[in-house]
N, C-alpha and C. Protein backbone atom coordinates (compact mmCIF):
# COMPACT_ATOMS: atom_id res chain seq x y z
N UNK A 1 -20.32 -46.58 174.13
CA UNK A 1 -19.59 -44.90 173.14
C UNK A 1 -21.04 -44.34 172.77
N UNK A 2 -21.90 -45.24 172.29
CA UNK A 2 -23.24 -44.49 172.28
C UNK A 2 -23.73 -43.73 173.32
N UNK A 3 -23.58 -44.05 174.25
CA UNK A 3 -24.42 -42.97 175.53
C UNK A 3 -23.30 -41.97 175.81
N UNK A 4 -22.30 -42.45 175.11
CA UNK A 4 -20.80 -41.31 175.36
C UNK A 4 -21.17 -39.74 174.80
N UNK A 5 -21.34 -40.43 173.22
CA UNK A 5 -22.46 -39.55 172.53
C UNK A 5 -23.48 -38.91 172.59
N UNK A 6 -24.28 -39.07 173.03
CA UNK A 6 -25.36 -38.98 173.35
C UNK A 6 -25.39 -37.39 174.39
N UNK A 7 -24.51 -38.06 175.83
CA UNK A 7 -24.15 -37.11 177.09
C UNK A 7 -23.54 -35.61 176.02
N UNK A 8 -22.54 -35.37 175.19
CA UNK A 8 -22.09 -35.43 174.32
C UNK A 8 -22.74 -34.51 174.09
N UNK A 9 -23.64 -34.70 172.69
CA UNK A 9 -24.94 -34.45 172.59
C UNK A 9 -25.66 -33.32 173.35
N UNK A 10 -25.55 -34.27 174.18
CA UNK A 10 -27.00 -32.93 175.68
C UNK A 10 -25.90 -32.19 175.54
N UNK A 11 -24.97 -31.85 176.28
CA UNK A 11 -23.74 -30.69 176.60
C UNK A 11 -23.40 -29.56 175.25
N UNK A 12 -23.39 -30.56 174.63
CA UNK A 12 -23.22 -29.14 173.10
C UNK A 12 -24.41 -28.73 172.71
N UNK A 13 -25.46 -29.30 173.01
CA UNK A 13 -26.84 -28.73 173.44
C UNK A 13 -27.30 -27.32 174.19
N UNK A 14 -25.94 -27.56 174.86
CA UNK A 14 -26.35 -26.33 176.60
C UNK A 14 -25.50 -25.31 176.12
N UNK A 15 -24.32 -25.65 174.96
CA UNK A 15 -23.30 -24.64 174.17
C UNK A 15 -21.68 -24.85 174.75
N UNK A 16 -21.47 -26.24 174.98
CA UNK A 16 -20.10 -26.56 174.94
C UNK A 16 -19.26 -26.89 173.33
N UNK A 17 -18.24 -26.69 173.85
CA UNK A 17 -18.03 -26.56 172.48
C UNK A 17 -17.66 -28.41 172.07
N UNK A 18 -17.44 -29.07 171.02
CA UNK A 18 -17.59 -30.63 171.06
C UNK A 18 -16.73 -31.58 171.83
N UNK A 19 -15.29 -31.36 171.28
CA UNK A 19 -14.28 -31.78 172.34
C UNK A 19 -14.50 -31.42 174.04
N UNK A 20 -14.67 -30.25 174.83
CA UNK A 20 -15.28 -30.50 175.68
C UNK A 20 -16.50 -30.84 176.21
N UNK A 21 -17.32 -31.38 175.48
CA UNK A 21 -18.41 -31.54 175.68
C UNK A 21 -18.20 -33.23 175.67
N UNK A 22 -17.30 -33.55 174.64
CA UNK A 22 -17.38 -35.37 174.71
C UNK A 22 -16.35 -35.70 176.33
N UNK A 23 -15.31 -34.46 176.54
CA UNK A 23 -14.71 -34.77 177.74
C UNK A 23 -15.37 -34.78 179.01
N UNK A 24 -16.41 -33.95 178.99
CA UNK A 24 -17.26 -33.74 180.35
C UNK A 24 -17.96 -35.31 180.45
N UNK A 25 -18.22 -35.48 179.30
CA UNK A 25 -19.20 -36.53 179.34
C UNK A 25 -18.36 -37.74 179.68
N UNK A 26 -17.61 -38.21 179.07
CA UNK A 26 -16.24 -39.18 179.77
C UNK A 26 -15.82 -39.41 180.97
N UNK A 27 -15.55 -38.17 181.59
CA UNK A 27 -15.37 -38.04 183.20
C UNK A 27 -16.81 -38.48 184.06
N UNK A 28 -17.22 -37.55 183.67
CA UNK A 28 -18.47 -37.86 184.03
C UNK A 28 -19.21 -39.52 184.37
N UNK A 29 -19.68 -40.02 183.01
CA UNK A 29 -19.44 -41.88 183.22
C UNK A 29 -18.10 -42.32 184.10
N UNK A 30 -17.38 -42.12 184.02
CA UNK A 30 -16.14 -42.73 184.67
C UNK A 30 -16.74 -43.02 186.37
N UNK A 31 -16.79 -41.58 186.65
CA UNK A 31 -16.96 -41.70 187.97
C UNK A 31 -18.88 -42.04 188.21
N UNK A 32 -19.85 -41.92 187.13
CA UNK A 32 -20.93 -42.58 187.90
C UNK A 32 -22.05 -42.36 187.15
N UNK A 33 -21.89 -43.61 185.78
CA UNK A 33 -22.55 -43.61 184.81
C UNK A 33 -24.06 -43.01 184.70
N UNK A 34 -24.44 -44.02 185.69
CA UNK A 34 -26.34 -44.25 185.94
C UNK A 34 -26.88 -42.74 186.18
N UNK A 35 -25.97 -41.98 187.01
CA UNK A 35 -26.29 -40.72 187.88
C UNK A 35 -26.11 -38.98 186.85
N UNK A 36 -25.54 -39.48 186.18
CA UNK A 36 -25.27 -38.77 185.07
C UNK A 36 -26.08 -39.26 183.82
N UNK A 37 -26.22 -39.98 183.07
CA UNK A 37 -27.46 -40.08 182.79
C UNK A 37 -28.82 -39.62 183.20
N UNK A 38 -29.08 -40.29 184.31
CA UNK A 38 -30.19 -39.83 185.13
C UNK A 38 -30.58 -38.27 185.25
N UNK A 39 -29.58 -37.62 185.51
CA UNK A 39 -29.50 -36.34 185.33
C UNK A 39 -29.74 -35.72 184.09
N UNK A 40 -29.06 -35.30 183.37
CA UNK A 40 -29.07 -35.22 182.00
C UNK A 40 -30.02 -35.28 181.58
N UNK A 41 -30.36 -36.57 181.36
CA UNK A 41 -31.51 -36.76 180.35
C UNK A 41 -32.54 -36.85 180.81
N UNK A 42 -32.71 -37.45 181.98
CA UNK A 42 -34.07 -37.83 182.52
C UNK A 42 -34.56 -36.07 183.53
N UNK A 43 -33.51 -35.18 184.43
CA UNK A 43 -33.67 -34.53 185.27
C UNK A 43 -33.62 -34.61 186.54
N UNK A 44 -33.14 -35.84 186.78
CA UNK A 44 -33.38 -36.73 188.15
C UNK A 44 -32.28 -35.99 189.06
N UNK A 45 -32.84 -35.31 189.96
CA UNK A 45 -31.54 -35.34 190.94
C UNK A 45 -31.87 -34.98 192.46
N UNK A 46 -31.09 -35.10 193.40
CA UNK A 46 -31.42 -35.03 194.58
C UNK A 46 -32.51 -34.42 194.98
N UNK A 47 -32.32 -33.02 194.16
CA UNK A 47 -33.03 -31.89 194.62
C UNK A 47 -34.36 -32.16 194.55
N UNK A 48 -35.06 -32.71 193.18
CA UNK A 48 -36.58 -32.82 193.38
C UNK A 48 -36.89 -34.50 193.20
N UNK A 49 -36.25 -35.25 193.68
CA UNK A 49 -36.36 -36.81 193.84
C UNK A 49 -37.31 -36.56 194.95
N UNK A 50 -38.34 -37.55 195.14
CA UNK A 50 -39.44 -37.64 195.91
C UNK A 50 -38.61 -37.46 196.99
N UNK A 51 -39.83 -36.93 198.19
CA UNK A 51 -39.61 -37.15 199.64
C UNK A 51 -40.66 -37.68 200.79
N UNK A 52 -40.55 -39.14 200.75
CA UNK A 52 -42.09 -39.32 201.24
C UNK A 52 -42.19 -38.54 202.80
N UNK A 53 -41.12 -38.55 203.21
CA UNK A 53 -41.58 -37.91 205.25
C UNK A 53 -42.24 -36.96 205.01
N UNK A 54 -41.63 -35.98 204.32
CA UNK A 54 -42.10 -34.57 203.28
C UNK A 54 -43.59 -34.23 203.09
N UNK A 55 -43.66 -35.61 202.27
CA UNK A 55 -44.76 -36.02 201.59
C UNK A 55 -46.22 -35.95 202.74
N UNK A 56 -45.51 -36.71 203.75
CA UNK A 56 -46.63 -37.40 204.75
C UNK A 56 -46.86 -36.14 205.31
N UNK A 57 -46.00 -35.26 206.17
CA UNK A 57 -46.52 -34.37 207.10
C UNK A 57 -47.41 -33.56 206.72
N UNK A 58 -46.44 -32.85 205.46
CA UNK A 58 -47.78 -31.97 204.20
C UNK A 58 -49.14 -32.66 204.27
N UNK A 59 -48.60 -33.73 204.00
CA UNK A 59 -50.54 -34.55 203.60
C UNK A 59 -51.43 -34.83 204.98
N UNK A 60 -50.58 -34.82 206.25
CA UNK A 60 -51.45 -34.54 207.43
C UNK A 60 -51.44 -33.23 207.90
N UNK A 61 -50.82 -32.24 207.33
CA UNK A 61 -51.10 -30.89 208.17
C UNK A 61 -52.41 -30.62 207.08
N UNK A 62 -52.18 -30.36 205.70
CA UNK A 62 -53.57 -30.37 205.01
C UNK A 62 -54.77 -30.91 204.93
N UNK A 63 -54.67 -32.33 205.60
CA UNK A 63 -55.60 -32.85 206.37
C UNK A 63 -56.58 -32.60 207.28
N UNK A 64 -55.56 -31.69 208.01
CA UNK A 64 -56.02 -31.28 209.39
C UNK A 64 -57.02 -30.08 209.06
N UNK A 65 -56.14 -29.44 208.08
CA UNK A 65 -56.31 -27.76 207.93
C UNK A 65 -58.01 -28.05 207.33
N UNK A 66 -58.05 -28.89 206.15
CA UNK A 66 -59.09 -28.93 205.37
C UNK A 66 -59.84 -29.56 206.60
N UNK A 67 -59.45 -30.25 207.63
CA UNK A 67 -61.22 -30.66 208.51
C UNK A 67 -61.63 -29.66 209.71
N UNK A 68 -61.01 -28.28 209.62
CA UNK A 68 -61.20 -27.64 210.60
C UNK A 68 -62.26 -26.89 210.11
N UNK A 69 -62.25 -26.43 208.95
CA UNK A 69 -63.80 -25.74 208.96
C UNK A 69 -64.84 -26.73 208.75
N UNK A 70 -65.16 -27.79 208.74
CA UNK A 70 -66.37 -28.77 209.08
C UNK A 70 -66.73 -28.98 210.62
N UNK A 71 -65.12 -28.91 211.10
CA UNK A 71 -65.11 -29.27 212.62
C UNK A 71 -65.82 -27.95 213.31
N UNK A 72 -65.47 -26.87 213.19
CA UNK A 72 -65.69 -25.88 213.69
C UNK A 72 -67.54 -25.57 213.20
N UNK A 73 -67.83 -26.04 211.97
CA UNK A 73 -69.45 -25.65 211.72
C UNK A 73 -70.41 -26.63 212.83
N UNK A 74 -69.40 -27.48 212.74
CA UNK A 74 -70.42 -28.85 213.78
C UNK A 74 -70.07 -28.30 214.97
N UNK A 75 -69.56 -27.50 215.28
CA UNK A 75 -69.67 -27.34 216.89
C UNK A 75 -70.39 -26.11 217.46
N UNK A 76 -70.90 -25.16 216.41
CA UNK A 76 -71.48 -24.66 215.91
C UNK A 76 -72.96 -24.53 215.80
N UNK A 77 -72.82 -25.51 214.66
CA UNK A 77 -74.46 -25.75 214.60
C UNK A 77 -75.15 -26.54 215.49
N UNK A 78 -76.77 -25.78 215.32
CA UNK A 78 -77.99 -26.77 216.53
C UNK A 78 -77.45 -27.99 215.68
N UNK A 79 -78.18 -28.79 216.72
CA UNK A 79 -77.93 -30.29 217.17
C UNK A 79 -78.60 -30.88 215.23
N UNK A 80 -80.03 -30.50 215.04
CA UNK A 80 -80.50 -30.97 214.13
C UNK A 80 -80.04 -30.18 212.77
N UNK A 81 -79.39 -29.55 212.51
CA UNK A 81 -78.62 -29.04 211.43
C UNK A 81 -77.70 -29.56 211.21
N UNK A 82 -76.33 -30.23 212.04
CA UNK A 82 -75.32 -30.53 211.97
C UNK A 82 -74.71 -31.25 210.86
N UNK A 83 -75.89 -32.17 210.57
CA UNK A 83 -75.31 -32.67 208.87
C UNK A 83 -75.41 -31.90 207.74
N UNK A 84 -76.34 -31.11 207.86
CA UNK A 84 -76.59 -30.27 206.77
C UNK A 84 -75.84 -29.51 206.81
N UNK A 85 -74.98 -28.80 207.73
CA UNK A 85 -73.87 -27.96 207.60
C UNK A 85 -73.05 -27.98 207.38
N UNK A 86 -72.86 -29.32 207.93
CA UNK A 86 -71.34 -29.92 207.36
C UNK A 86 -70.87 -30.24 205.99
N UNK A 87 -72.05 -31.08 205.51
CA UNK A 87 -72.39 -31.18 204.11
C UNK A 87 -72.32 -29.56 203.30
N UNK A 88 -72.45 -28.25 203.50
CA UNK A 88 -72.96 -27.81 202.57
C UNK A 88 -71.38 -26.24 202.74
N UNK A 89 -71.33 -26.50 204.16
CA UNK A 89 -69.41 -26.16 204.24
C UNK A 89 -68.71 -26.43 203.84
N UNK A 90 -68.63 -28.04 203.64
CA UNK A 90 -67.74 -28.69 203.33
C UNK A 90 -67.98 -28.18 201.56
N UNK A 91 -68.71 -28.37 200.79
CA UNK A 91 -69.09 -27.88 199.41
C UNK A 91 -68.62 -26.68 198.86
N UNK A 92 -68.86 -25.79 199.63
CA UNK A 92 -68.43 -24.29 199.83
C UNK A 92 -66.78 -24.00 199.77
N UNK A 93 -66.22 -24.87 200.59
CA UNK A 93 -64.76 -24.83 200.79
C UNK A 93 -64.60 -25.41 199.87
N UNK A 94 -65.07 -26.73 199.06
CA UNK A 94 -64.52 -27.20 197.97
C UNK A 94 -64.57 -26.19 196.47
N UNK A 95 -65.89 -25.54 197.24
CA UNK A 95 -65.96 -24.70 195.74
C UNK A 95 -64.60 -23.39 195.60
N UNK A 96 -64.48 -23.57 197.05
CA UNK A 96 -63.38 -21.80 197.21
C UNK A 96 -62.15 -22.42 196.45
N UNK A 97 -61.86 -23.47 197.22
CA UNK A 97 -60.61 -24.10 196.79
C UNK A 97 -60.86 -24.48 195.18
N UNK A 98 -61.46 -24.63 194.19
CA UNK A 98 -61.89 -24.94 192.99
C UNK A 98 -61.63 -23.76 192.42
N UNK A 99 -61.99 -22.89 192.73
CA UNK A 99 -61.50 -21.37 192.49
C UNK A 99 -60.37 -21.03 192.47
N UNK A 100 -59.32 -20.92 193.29
CA UNK A 100 -58.56 -20.69 193.71
C UNK A 100 -57.33 -21.69 192.44
N UNK A 101 -58.14 -23.04 192.65
CA UNK A 101 -57.09 -23.79 192.14
C UNK A 101 -57.15 -23.12 190.28
N UNK A 102 -58.22 -23.01 190.04
CA UNK A 102 -58.82 -22.34 188.62
C UNK A 102 -57.27 -20.50 188.13
N UNK A 103 -57.43 -19.65 189.38
CA UNK A 103 -57.01 -18.70 189.17
C UNK A 103 -55.57 -18.87 189.03
N UNK A 104 -55.05 -19.89 190.07
CA UNK A 104 -53.56 -19.94 189.80
C UNK A 104 -52.80 -20.57 188.78
N UNK A 105 -54.13 -21.65 188.11
CA UNK A 105 -53.28 -22.06 186.63
C UNK A 105 -53.99 -21.81 185.84
N UNK A 106 -55.06 -20.81 185.74
CA UNK A 106 -55.27 -19.33 184.61
C UNK A 106 -56.30 -20.13 183.94
N UNK A 107 -57.27 -20.93 184.39
CA UNK A 107 -58.14 -22.60 183.93
C UNK A 107 -59.29 -21.18 184.11
N UNK A 108 -61.15 -21.95 183.58
CA UNK A 108 -61.82 -21.36 183.55
C UNK A 108 -61.93 -21.76 184.68
N UNK A 109 -62.53 -20.62 185.69
CA UNK A 109 -63.21 -20.89 187.49
C UNK A 109 -64.56 -21.53 187.56
N UNK A 110 -65.69 -21.51 186.45
CA UNK A 110 -66.99 -22.04 186.25
C UNK A 110 -66.78 -23.86 186.43
N UNK A 111 -65.32 -23.81 185.35
CA UNK A 111 -65.40 -25.56 185.15
C UNK A 111 -64.47 -26.23 186.25
N UNK A 112 -64.53 -25.76 186.94
CA UNK A 112 -62.81 -26.39 187.77
C UNK A 112 -63.59 -25.86 189.14
N UNK A 113 -65.04 -24.85 189.73
CA UNK A 113 -65.83 -24.72 190.71
C UNK A 113 -66.65 -26.55 190.55
N UNK A 114 -67.31 -26.19 189.00
CA UNK A 114 -68.45 -27.52 188.80
C UNK A 114 -68.09 -28.70 189.04
N UNK A 115 -66.47 -29.12 188.03
CA UNK A 115 -66.22 -30.43 188.42
C UNK A 115 -65.45 -30.33 189.93
N UNK A 116 -65.26 -29.62 190.58
CA UNK A 116 -64.96 -30.12 191.88
C UNK A 116 -66.24 -30.18 192.98
N UNK A 117 -67.08 -29.60 192.66
CA UNK A 117 -68.64 -29.66 193.43
C UNK A 117 -69.31 -30.73 193.21
N UNK A 118 -69.39 -31.04 191.84
CA UNK A 118 -69.82 -32.44 191.67
C UNK A 118 -69.61 -33.72 191.85
N UNK A 119 -68.01 -33.81 191.60
CA UNK A 119 -67.15 -34.89 191.88
C UNK A 119 -67.03 -35.02 193.62
N UNK A 120 -66.62 -34.41 194.34
CA UNK A 120 -66.70 -34.40 195.77
C UNK A 120 -67.98 -34.82 196.13
N UNK A 121 -69.62 -33.89 195.83
CA UNK A 121 -70.58 -34.62 196.32
C UNK A 121 -71.09 -36.14 195.68
N UNK A 122 -70.61 -36.44 194.38
CA UNK A 122 -70.71 -38.05 193.77
C UNK A 122 -69.65 -38.69 195.13
N UNK A 123 -68.90 -38.54 195.77
CA UNK A 123 -67.91 -39.24 196.86
C UNK A 123 -68.34 -39.35 198.18
N UNK A 124 -69.05 -38.10 198.56
CA UNK A 124 -69.31 -37.78 199.53
C UNK A 124 -70.95 -39.16 199.34
N UNK A 125 -71.89 -38.61 198.28
CA UNK A 125 -72.72 -39.80 198.10
C UNK A 125 -72.45 -41.21 198.04
N UNK A 126 -71.89 -41.46 197.55
CA UNK A 126 -70.67 -43.38 197.36
C UNK A 126 -70.66 -43.29 199.34
N UNK A 127 -69.64 -42.35 199.94
CA UNK A 127 -69.24 -43.04 201.52
C UNK A 127 -70.52 -42.94 201.76
N UNK A 128 -71.75 -42.59 201.74
CA UNK A 128 -72.70 -42.65 202.74
C UNK A 128 -73.57 -43.87 201.94
N UNK A 129 -73.27 -44.03 201.04
CA UNK A 129 -74.44 -45.06 200.38
C UNK A 129 -73.89 -46.45 200.96
N UNK A 130 -72.12 -46.49 201.25
CA UNK A 130 -71.34 -47.28 201.33
C UNK A 130 -71.67 -47.64 202.94
N UNK A 131 -71.84 -46.84 203.44
CA UNK A 131 -71.80 -46.71 204.90
C UNK A 131 -73.43 -46.89 205.56
N UNK A 132 -74.03 -46.89 204.63
CA UNK A 132 -75.93 -47.14 204.70
C UNK A 132 -75.61 -48.89 204.49
N UNK A 133 -75.13 -49.37 203.69
CA UNK A 133 -75.02 -50.77 203.58
C UNK A 133 -74.25 -51.03 204.35
N UNK A 134 -73.75 -50.99 205.30
CA UNK A 134 -72.29 -51.65 206.36
C UNK A 134 -73.19 -51.29 207.48
N UNK A 135 -74.39 -50.65 207.35
CA UNK A 135 -75.07 -50.29 208.93
C UNK A 135 -74.97 -48.98 209.58
N UNK A 136 -74.28 -48.43 208.93
CA UNK A 136 -73.77 -47.08 209.44
C UNK A 136 -74.60 -45.86 209.08
N UNK A 137 -75.73 -45.61 208.67
CA UNK A 137 -76.78 -44.92 208.38
C UNK A 137 -75.87 -43.29 209.20
N UNK A 138 -76.11 -42.58 208.52
CA UNK A 138 -76.54 -41.11 208.81
C UNK A 138 -77.38 -40.28 208.44
N UNK A 139 -78.34 -40.61 207.90
CA UNK A 139 -79.53 -40.24 208.45
C UNK A 139 -80.70 -41.12 208.97
C-alpha cells in the first residue's frame, strides 16, 4: 500500500486528480510493479537505458578519429621529428577539445584547456615511464 501511495503521489504531482492517480498507480502495479516504479521514481526506461553495442561502436569510431591526427602528423613529419611532432600535435588537439568542451558547457576555456593538457601530459609521461621500465623506451 505504501508503494501505491508513493506512485499515486507522483501522478498527482504531474496533474492527475487523486482518484485517477490512485487508479493509474494500482493498474500499473498489477501489470508490472517493478517497471512502474523504475520508470516513475528513477526515470529508467528502455529509451535511456545502457546500450553497450552502441557505446562500443562509438568508442571505436572516436578512438580512430582521435588517432587520425597523430597518424597524419607521423606520416608527414621528418623521421627525426616524428616523436616530438606526435606529442605536440596530440597536446594541441587535446587543448582544442578542452576549448570545445568548455564552450559547450559554458565553462572557463582557460581552466578546461589547462586541465586537459596537464593531465594528458601526465598520462603520456607516466606511460613513457612505464614503457621505459619495461624495456620499451621511445627516446
